[in-house]
Amino acid sequence: MTPDEFRAARKAMGLTQTELAVELGMQLRQIQNLEKGTAELRRIHALAIERVTLAYAVGSGKPDIAGPLIRKDALAFADIA
């Protein structure tokens, strides 16, 4: 995941940087640095925002909020559940 993709995921949910920081249990400055690319965007960050976007997609009834990979995984899970 790139900083631009991270930012786009936040915006797709309609969250401010502050709101996303609260959702992820992070500091505002960390979110700002991840989006600017001045901090390393690690796999754990990508997994966390994917999980939050999935929750927002389900809650809002808007599946496009969740990225294609997490959407695919969720649909596969639904098939076996």
N, C-alpha and C. Protein backbone atom coordinates (compact mmCIF):
# COMPACT_ATOMS: atom_id res chain seq x y z
N MET A 1 0.85 -1.17 0.00
CA MET A 1 0.00 0.00 0.00
C MET A 1 0.90 1.23 0.00
N THR A 2 0.51 2.19 -0.80
CA THR A 2 1.26 3.44 -0.89
C THR A 2 0.61 4.49 0.01
N PRO A 3 1.34 5.57 0.29
CA PRO A 3 0.72 6.66 1.06
C PRO A 3 -0.54 7.20 0.38
N ASP A 4 -0.54 7.28 -0.95
CA ASP A 4 -1.73 7.76 -1.66
C ASP A 4 -2.91 6.82 -1.48
N GLU A 5 -2.66 5.51 -1.49
CA GLU A 5 -3.73 4.53 -1.29
C GLU A 5 -4.26 4.60 0.15
N PHE A 6 -3.35 4.81 1.09
CA PHE A 6 -3.73 4.95 2.49
C PHE A 6 -4.66 6.15 2.66
N ARG A 7 -4.26 7.28 2.07
CA ARG A 7 -5.06 8.51 2.14
C ARG A 7 -6.41 8.31 1.45
N ALA A 8 -6.40 7.65 0.29
CA ALA A 8 -7.64 7.42 -0.45
C ALA A 8 -8.60 6.55 0.36
N ALA A 9 -8.09 5.57 1.09
CA ALA A 9 -8.94 4.71 1.92
C ALA A 9 -9.59 5.55 3.02
N ARG A 10 -8.82 6.42 3.63
CA ARG A 10 -9.38 7.29 4.68
C ARG A 10 -10.48 8.17 4.11
N LYS A 11 -10.19 8.77 2.96
CA LYS A 11 -11.17 9.68 2.35
C LYS A 11 -12.42 8.94 1.90
N ALA A 12 -12.26 7.69 1.43
CA ALA A 12 -13.41 6.90 1.00
C ALA A 12 -14.38 6.66 2.16
N MET A 13 -13.82 6.59 3.37
CA MET A 13 -14.66 6.40 4.56
C MET A 13 -15.24 7.71 5.06
N GLY A 14 -14.75 8.83 4.51
CA GLY A 14 -15.22 10.14 4.94
C GLY A 14 -14.67 10.55 6.29
N LEU A 15 -13.49 10.03 6.63
CA LEU A 15 -12.87 10.34 7.93
C LEU A 15 -11.81 11.42 7.79
N THR A 16 -11.67 12.21 8.83
CA THR A 16 -10.55 13.14 8.92
C THR A 16 -9.33 12.34 9.39
N GLN A 17 -8.17 12.94 9.31
CA GLN A 17 -6.98 12.28 9.83
C GLN A 17 -7.12 12.01 11.32
N THR A 18 -7.70 12.95 12.04
CA THR A 18 -7.90 12.78 13.48
C THR A 18 -8.83 11.61 13.77
N GLU A 19 -9.92 11.51 13.02
CA GLU A 19 -10.86 10.41 13.23
C GLU A 19 -10.22 9.06 12.92
N LEU A 20 -9.42 9.00 11.86
CA LEU A 20 -8.73 7.75 11.54
C LEU A 20 -7.73 7.40 12.63
N ALA A 21 -7.03 8.39 13.14
CA ALA A 21 -6.08 8.14 14.23
C ALA A 21 -6.79 7.49 15.42
N VAL A 22 -7.96 7.98 15.75
CA VAL A 22 -8.74 7.40 16.86
C VAL A 22 -9.13 5.96 16.52
N GLU A 23 -9.63 5.74 15.31
CA GLU A 23 -10.04 4.39 14.89
C GLU A 23 -8.89 3.39 14.98
N LEU A 24 -7.69 3.83 14.62
CA LEU A 24 -6.54 2.93 14.59
C LEU A 24 -5.72 2.94 15.88
N GLY A 25 -6.12 3.80 16.82
CA GLY A 25 -5.36 3.88 18.07
C GLY A 25 -3.97 4.47 17.88
N MET A 26 -3.89 5.44 16.97
CA MET A 26 -2.62 6.08 16.66
C MET A 26 -2.70 7.56 16.97
N GLN A 27 -1.57 8.21 16.90
CA GLN A 27 -1.50 9.66 17.06
C GLN A 27 -1.74 10.33 15.70
N LEU A 28 -2.32 11.52 15.74
CA LEU A 28 -2.57 12.28 14.52
C LEU A 28 -1.29 12.44 13.70
N ARG A 29 -0.21 12.78 14.36
CA ARG A 29 1.07 13.00 13.66
C ARG A 29 1.49 11.74 12.89
N GLN A 30 1.24 10.56 13.44
CA GLN A 30 1.60 9.32 12.75
C GLN A 30 0.81 9.18 11.45
N ILE A 31 -0.49 9.48 11.50
CA ILE A 31 -1.32 9.40 10.30
C ILE A 31 -0.82 10.41 9.26
N GLN A 32 -0.53 11.62 9.71
CA GLN A 32 -0.03 12.64 8.79
C GLN A 32 1.26 12.20 8.13
N ASN A 33 2.17 11.63 8.90
CA ASN A 33 3.45 11.19 8.34
C ASN A 33 3.29 10.01 7.39
N LEU A 34 2.37 9.10 7.68
CA LEU A 34 2.12 7.98 6.78
C LEU A 34 1.57 8.49 5.45
N GLU A 35 0.66 9.43 5.51
CA GLU A 35 0.06 9.96 4.28
C GLU A 35 1.04 10.79 3.47
N LYS A 36 1.95 11.47 4.14
CA LYS A 36 2.95 12.27 3.43
C LYS A 36 4.09 11.41 2.89
N GLY A 37 4.21 10.20 3.43
CA GLY A 37 5.30 9.32 3.01
C GLY A 37 6.58 9.56 3.77
N THR A 38 6.51 10.33 4.86
CA THR A 38 7.71 10.59 5.66
C THR A 38 7.91 9.54 6.75
N ALA A 39 6.93 8.65 6.91
CA ALA A 39 7.06 7.51 7.82
C ALA A 39 6.80 6.25 7.00
N GLU A 40 7.46 5.18 7.37
CA GLU A 40 7.30 3.93 6.65
C GLU A 40 5.89 3.38 6.86
N LEU A 41 5.22 3.12 5.77
CA LEU A 41 3.89 2.52 5.83
C LEU A 41 4.10 1.01 5.86
N ARG A 42 3.96 0.44 7.02
CA ARG A 42 4.22 -0.99 7.21
C ARG A 42 2.99 -1.82 6.92
N ARG A 43 3.21 -3.10 6.79
CA ARG A 43 2.11 -4.03 6.51
C ARG A 43 1.02 -3.92 7.59
N ILE A 44 1.41 -3.74 8.84
CA ILE A 44 0.44 -3.64 9.91
C ILE A 44 -0.49 -2.45 9.71
N HIS A 45 0.03 -1.35 9.16
CA HIS A 45 -0.81 -0.18 8.87
C HIS A 45 -1.82 -0.51 7.77
N ALA A 46 -1.34 -1.18 6.73
CA ALA A 46 -2.21 -1.55 5.62
C ALA A 46 -3.31 -2.50 6.09
N LEU A 47 -2.93 -3.49 6.90
CA LEU A 47 -3.92 -4.44 7.41
C LEU A 47 -4.95 -3.74 8.30
N ALA A 48 -4.48 -2.81 9.11
CA ALA A 48 -5.39 -2.10 10.01
C ALA A 48 -6.39 -1.26 9.24
N ILE A 49 -5.93 -0.52 8.25
CA ILE A 49 -6.87 0.34 7.52
C ILE A 49 -7.80 -0.51 6.65
N GLU A 50 -7.31 -1.64 6.14
CA GLU A 50 -8.19 -2.53 5.39
C GLU A 50 -9.32 -3.04 6.28
N ARG A 51 -8.99 -3.38 7.50
CA ARG A 51 -10.01 -3.89 8.43
C ARG A 51 -11.03 -2.80 8.76
N VAL A 52 -10.56 -1.59 8.96
CA VAL A 52 -11.47 -0.48 9.26
C VAL A 52 -12.35 -0.17 8.04
N THR A 53 -11.77 -0.19 6.85
CA THR A 53 -12.58 0.08 5.65
C THR A 53 -13.63 -1.01 5.47
N LEU A 54 -13.31 -2.25 5.79
CA LEU A 54 -14.29 -3.32 5.68
C LEU A 54 -15.46 -3.07 6.64
N ALA A 55 -15.15 -2.69 7.86
CA ALA A 55 -16.20 -2.40 8.84
C ALA A 55 -17.08 -1.24 8.36
N TYR A 56 -16.46 -0.20 7.81
CA TYR A 56 -17.23 0.94 7.30
C TYR A 56 -18.07 0.53 6.10
N ALA A 57 -17.53 -0.32 5.23
CA ALA A 57 -18.27 -0.79 4.06
C ALA A 57 -19.50 -1.57 4.48
N VAL A 58 -19.34 -2.45 5.44
CA VAL A 58 -20.48 -3.24 5.93
C VAL A 58 -21.49 -2.34 6.62
N GLY A 59 -21.01 -1.46 7.47
CA GLY A 59 -21.89 -0.58 8.22
C GLY A 59 -22.68 0.40 7.36
N SER A 60 -22.07 0.83 6.28
CA SER A 60 -22.72 1.82 5.42
C SER A 60 -23.48 1.18 4.26
N GLY A 61 -23.25 -0.11 4.04
CA GLY A 61 -23.86 -0.77 2.89
C GLY A 61 -23.23 -0.36 1.57
N LYS A 62 -22.01 0.15 1.64
CA LYS A 62 -21.29 0.60 0.44
C LYS A 62 -20.03 -0.25 0.28
N PRO A 63 -20.12 -1.38 -0.42
CA PRO A 63 -18.98 -2.29 -0.52
C PRO A 63 -17.74 -1.70 -1.20
N ASP A 64 -17.93 -0.68 -2.02
CA ASP A 64 -16.78 -0.10 -2.72
C ASP A 64 -15.82 0.63 -1.79
N ILE A 65 -16.26 0.93 -0.57
CA ILE A 65 -15.35 1.57 0.39
C ILE A 65 -14.16 0.66 0.68
N ALA A 66 -14.44 -0.63 0.81
CA ALA A 66 -13.37 -1.59 1.07
C ALA A 66 -12.60 -1.83 -0.22
N GLY A 67 -11.30 -1.92 -0.11
CA GLY A 67 -10.46 -2.17 -1.28
C GLY A 67 -10.74 -3.53 -1.89
N PRO A 68 -10.29 -3.73 -3.13
CA PRO A 68 -10.60 -4.97 -3.84
C PRO A 68 -10.07 -6.23 -3.16
N LEU A 69 -8.91 -6.17 -2.55
CA LEU A 69 -8.35 -7.37 -1.92
C LEU A 69 -9.14 -7.77 -0.69
N ILE A 70 -9.46 -6.83 0.16
CA ILE A 70 -10.21 -7.15 1.38
C ILE A 70 -11.64 -7.54 1.01
N ARG A 71 -12.19 -6.93 -0.03
CA ARG A 71 -13.53 -7.28 -0.48
C ARG A 71 -13.56 -8.73 -0.97
N LYS A 72 -12.54 -9.12 -1.73
CA LYS A 72 -12.44 -10.49 -2.22
C LYS A 72 -12.35 -11.47 -1.08
N ASP A 73 -11.52 -11.18 -0.09
CA ASP A 73 -11.38 -12.05 1.08
C ASP A 73 -12.68 -12.16 1.86
N ALA A 74 -13.38 -11.05 2.01
CA ALA A 74 -14.64 -11.04 2.74
C ALA A 74 -15.69 -11.88 2.04
N LEU A 75 -15.74 -11.77 0.71
CA LEU A 75 -16.71 -12.56 -0.05
C LEU A 75 -16.38 -14.06 0.02
N ALA A 76 -15.10 -14.38 -0.02
CA ALA A 76 -14.69 -15.77 0.11
C ALA A 76 -15.07 -16.32 1.48
N PHE A 77 -14.88 -15.51 2.51
CA PHE A 77 -15.26 -15.92 3.86
C PHE A 77 -16.76 -16.13 3.96
N ALA A 78 -17.52 -15.23 3.36
CA ALA A 78 -18.99 -15.34 3.40
C ALA A 78 -19.46 -16.62 2.75
N ASP A 79 -18.74 -17.07 1.74
CA ASP A 79 -19.12 -18.32 1.06
C ASP A 79 -18.94 -19.55 1.95
N ILE A 80 -18.00 -19.49 2.87
CA ILE A 80 -17.75 -20.66 3.73
C ILE A 80 -18.44 -20.56 5.08
N ALA A 81 -18.93 -19.35 5.41
CA ALA A 81 -19.56 -19.16 6.72
C ALA A 81 -21.00 -19.64 6.75
